[in-house]
C-alpha cells in the first residue's frame, strides 16, 4: 500500500516550502489552542510534528521521473 503522505516528492525540495508547511500547521495548532478548541489544536499539532519529522529528519528527495 502506498504511503499516505509522500514527503520525498520533488515538489517538497525547496527548503522554504517545507518550513512554511510545518510553520502553518504548528501556528494553526497554537491558534486553535488559544481559542479553546483543543481537539483541533491536538490534530494540527500532530500533523505539524509529523510533517517536521518527515521533512527534516527522514527527508531524501528523489529525482523527477520522466514519463
N, C-alpha and C. Protein backbone atom coordinates (compact mmCIF):
# COMPACT_ATOMS: atom_id res chain seq x y z
N UNK A 1 0.84 -1.18 0.00
CA UNK A 1 0.00 0.00 0.00
C UNK A 1 0.88 1.24 0.00
N UNK A 2 0.53 2.21 -0.82
CA UNK A 2 1.27 3.47 -0.87
C UNK A 2 1.18 4.20 0.45
N UNK A 3 2.20 4.95 0.73
CA UNK A 3 2.16 5.78 1.95
C UNK A 3 1.14 6.89 1.74
N UNK A 4 0.55 7.32 2.84
CA UNK A 4 -0.47 8.35 2.77
C UNK A 4 0.13 9.68 2.33
N UNK A 5 1.30 10.02 2.88
CA UNK A 5 1.98 11.25 2.51
C UNK A 5 3.35 10.90 1.95
N UNK A 6 3.68 11.45 0.79
CA UNK A 6 4.99 11.20 0.20
C UNK A 6 5.86 12.43 0.43
N UNK A 7 6.56 12.44 1.56
CA UNK A 7 7.40 13.59 1.91
C UNK A 7 8.62 13.72 1.00
N UNK A 8 8.98 12.68 0.28
CA UNK A 8 10.16 12.72 -0.58
C UNK A 8 9.84 13.11 -2.02
N UNK A 9 8.64 13.57 -2.27
CA UNK A 9 8.26 14.01 -3.61
C UNK A 9 9.09 15.24 -4.00
N UNK A 10 9.49 15.35 -5.26
CA UNK A 10 10.30 16.50 -5.69
C UNK A 10 9.63 17.86 -5.45
N UNK A 11 8.31 17.89 -5.33
CA UNK A 11 7.61 19.14 -5.06
C UNK A 11 8.09 19.78 -3.76
N UNK A 12 8.47 18.97 -2.79
CA UNK A 12 8.87 19.46 -1.48
C UNK A 12 10.37 19.73 -1.37
N UNK A 13 11.09 19.78 -2.47
CA UNK A 13 12.53 20.01 -2.45
C UNK A 13 12.92 21.38 -1.89
N UNK A 14 12.22 22.49 -2.22
CA UNK A 14 12.65 23.78 -1.66
C UNK A 14 12.49 23.83 -0.14
N UNK A 15 13.54 24.28 0.53
CA UNK A 15 13.53 24.34 1.99
C UNK A 15 12.45 25.29 2.49
N UNK A 16 12.24 26.43 1.82
CA UNK A 16 11.27 27.41 2.28
C UNK A 16 9.86 26.82 2.29
N UNK A 17 9.56 25.93 1.36
CA UNK A 17 8.24 25.32 1.30
C UNK A 17 8.03 24.35 2.46
N UNK A 18 9.05 23.57 2.77
CA UNK A 18 8.95 22.64 3.89
C UNK A 18 8.79 23.38 5.22
N UNK A 19 9.55 24.46 5.39
CA UNK A 19 9.44 25.27 6.60
C UNK A 19 8.06 25.90 6.69
N UNK A 20 7.55 26.40 5.58
CA UNK A 20 6.23 27.05 5.56
C UNK A 20 5.13 26.07 5.95
N UNK A 21 5.16 24.87 5.42
CA UNK A 21 4.12 23.88 5.72
C UNK A 21 4.11 23.54 7.20
N UNK A 22 5.29 23.29 7.76
CA UNK A 22 5.38 22.95 9.18
C UNK A 22 4.94 24.13 10.04
N UNK A 23 5.41 25.33 9.69
CA UNK A 23 5.07 26.52 10.48
C UNK A 23 3.57 26.80 10.46
N UNK A 24 2.94 26.68 9.32
CA UNK A 24 1.49 26.93 9.22
C UNK A 24 0.72 25.94 10.09
N UNK A 25 1.09 24.66 10.04
CA UNK A 25 0.39 23.66 10.86
C UNK A 25 0.55 23.95 12.35
N UNK A 26 1.78 24.26 12.78
CA UNK A 26 2.00 24.49 14.20
C UNK A 26 1.40 25.81 14.67
N UNK A 27 1.45 26.84 13.82
CA UNK A 27 0.81 28.11 14.19
C UNK A 27 -0.70 27.96 14.27
N UNK A 28 -1.27 27.18 13.36
CA UNK A 28 -2.72 26.95 13.42
C UNK A 28 -3.09 26.16 14.68
N UNK A 29 -2.24 25.24 15.07
CA UNK A 29 -2.48 24.50 16.31
C UNK A 29 -2.47 25.44 17.51
N UNK A 30 -1.53 26.39 17.53
CA UNK A 30 -1.49 27.36 18.63
C UNK A 30 -2.72 28.27 18.62
N UNK A 31 -3.17 28.65 17.43
CA UNK A 31 -4.38 29.47 17.33
C UNK A 31 -5.58 28.72 17.88
N UNK A 32 -5.73 27.47 17.47
CA UNK A 32 -6.86 26.67 17.95
C UNK A 32 -6.80 26.48 19.46
N UNK A 33 -5.61 26.27 20.00
CA UNK A 33 -5.47 26.11 21.45
C UNK A 33 -5.83 27.40 22.17
N UNK A 34 -5.48 28.54 21.58
CA UNK A 34 -5.78 29.82 22.23
C UNK A 34 -7.28 30.14 22.22
N UNK A 35 -8.02 29.54 21.30
CA UNK A 35 -9.46 29.76 21.27
C UNK A 35 -10.22 28.66 22.02
N UNK A 36 -9.48 27.72 22.62
CA UNK A 36 -10.11 26.69 23.42
C UNK A 36 -10.54 25.45 22.67
N UNK A 37 -10.21 25.33 21.43
CA UNK A 37 -10.58 24.16 20.62
C UNK A 37 -9.44 23.14 20.66
N UNK A 38 -9.36 22.39 21.75
CA UNK A 38 -8.22 21.51 21.99
C UNK A 38 -8.17 20.32 21.02
N UNK A 39 -9.30 19.82 20.55
CA UNK A 39 -9.26 18.72 19.61
C UNK A 39 -8.55 19.13 18.32
N UNK A 40 -8.90 20.30 17.80
CA UNK A 40 -8.26 20.78 16.58
C UNK A 40 -6.81 21.14 16.83
N UNK A 41 -6.52 21.67 18.00
CA UNK A 41 -5.13 22.01 18.33
C UNK A 41 -4.26 20.75 18.35
N UNK A 42 -4.76 19.69 18.95
CA UNK A 42 -4.00 18.44 19.00
C UNK A 42 -3.85 17.86 17.60
N UNK A 43 -4.91 17.91 16.80
CA UNK A 43 -4.85 17.38 15.44
C UNK A 43 -3.82 18.12 14.60
N UNK A 44 -3.88 19.45 14.58
CA UNK A 44 -2.93 20.22 13.76
C UNK A 44 -1.53 20.17 14.34
N UNK A 45 -1.41 20.08 15.65
CA UNK A 45 -0.09 19.91 16.26
C UNK A 45 0.54 18.59 15.85
N UNK A 46 -0.26 17.54 15.85
CA UNK A 46 0.26 16.23 15.43
C UNK A 46 0.66 16.23 13.96
N UNK A 47 -0.16 16.87 13.13
CA UNK A 47 0.18 16.96 11.70
C UNK A 47 1.48 17.75 11.52
N UNK A 48 1.61 18.85 12.24
CA UNK A 48 2.83 19.66 12.14
C UNK A 48 4.07 18.92 12.60
N UNK A 49 3.96 18.18 13.69
CA UNK A 49 5.10 17.40 14.17
C UNK A 49 5.44 16.25 13.23
N UNK A 50 4.42 15.61 12.67
CA UNK A 50 4.65 14.54 11.71
C UNK A 50 5.32 15.09 10.44
N UNK A 51 4.87 16.26 10.00
CA UNK A 51 5.48 16.89 8.82
C UNK A 51 6.92 17.30 9.11
N UNK A 52 7.18 17.82 10.30
CA UNK A 52 8.55 18.20 10.66
C UNK A 52 9.47 16.97 10.65
N UNK A 53 8.98 15.87 11.19
CA UNK A 53 9.77 14.63 11.17
C UNK A 53 10.02 14.18 9.72
N UNK A 54 8.97 14.20 8.91
CA UNK A 54 9.11 13.75 7.52
C UNK A 54 9.96 14.67 6.66
N UNK A 55 9.91 15.97 6.92
CA UNK A 55 10.63 16.93 6.09
C UNK A 55 12.06 17.19 6.54
N UNK A 56 12.36 17.01 7.82
CA UNK A 56 13.68 17.40 8.30
C UNK A 56 14.50 16.25 8.87
N UNK A 57 13.88 15.14 9.24
CA UNK A 57 14.63 14.02 9.80
C UNK A 57 14.84 12.94 8.74
N UNK A 58 13.79 12.57 8.04
CA UNK A 58 13.90 11.47 7.08
C UNK A 58 13.81 11.93 5.63
N UNK A 59 13.96 13.21 5.34
CA UNK A 59 13.77 13.75 4.00
C UNK A 59 14.92 13.31 3.09
N UNK A 60 14.58 12.72 1.96
CA UNK A 60 15.54 12.30 0.95
C UNK A 60 14.84 12.40 -0.40
N UNK A 61 14.85 13.60 -1.04
CA UNK A 61 14.08 13.78 -2.26
C UNK A 61 14.62 12.93 -3.40
N UNK A 62 13.72 12.46 -4.21
CA UNK A 62 14.11 11.67 -5.39
C UNK A 62 14.01 12.56 -6.61
N UNK A 63 14.63 12.13 -7.66
CA UNK A 63 14.62 12.87 -8.92
C UNK A 63 13.26 12.72 -9.60
N UNK A 64 12.78 13.76 -10.29
CA UNK A 64 11.50 13.63 -11.01
C UNK A 64 11.61 12.54 -12.08
N UNK A 65 10.54 11.82 -12.23
CA UNK A 65 10.50 10.74 -13.23
C UNK A 65 9.97 11.27 -14.54
N UNK A 66 10.66 10.95 -15.63
CA UNK A 66 10.18 11.33 -16.97
C UNK A 66 9.21 10.27 -17.46
N UNK A 67 8.03 10.70 -17.87
CA UNK A 67 7.04 9.74 -18.35
C UNK A 67 6.71 9.98 -19.78
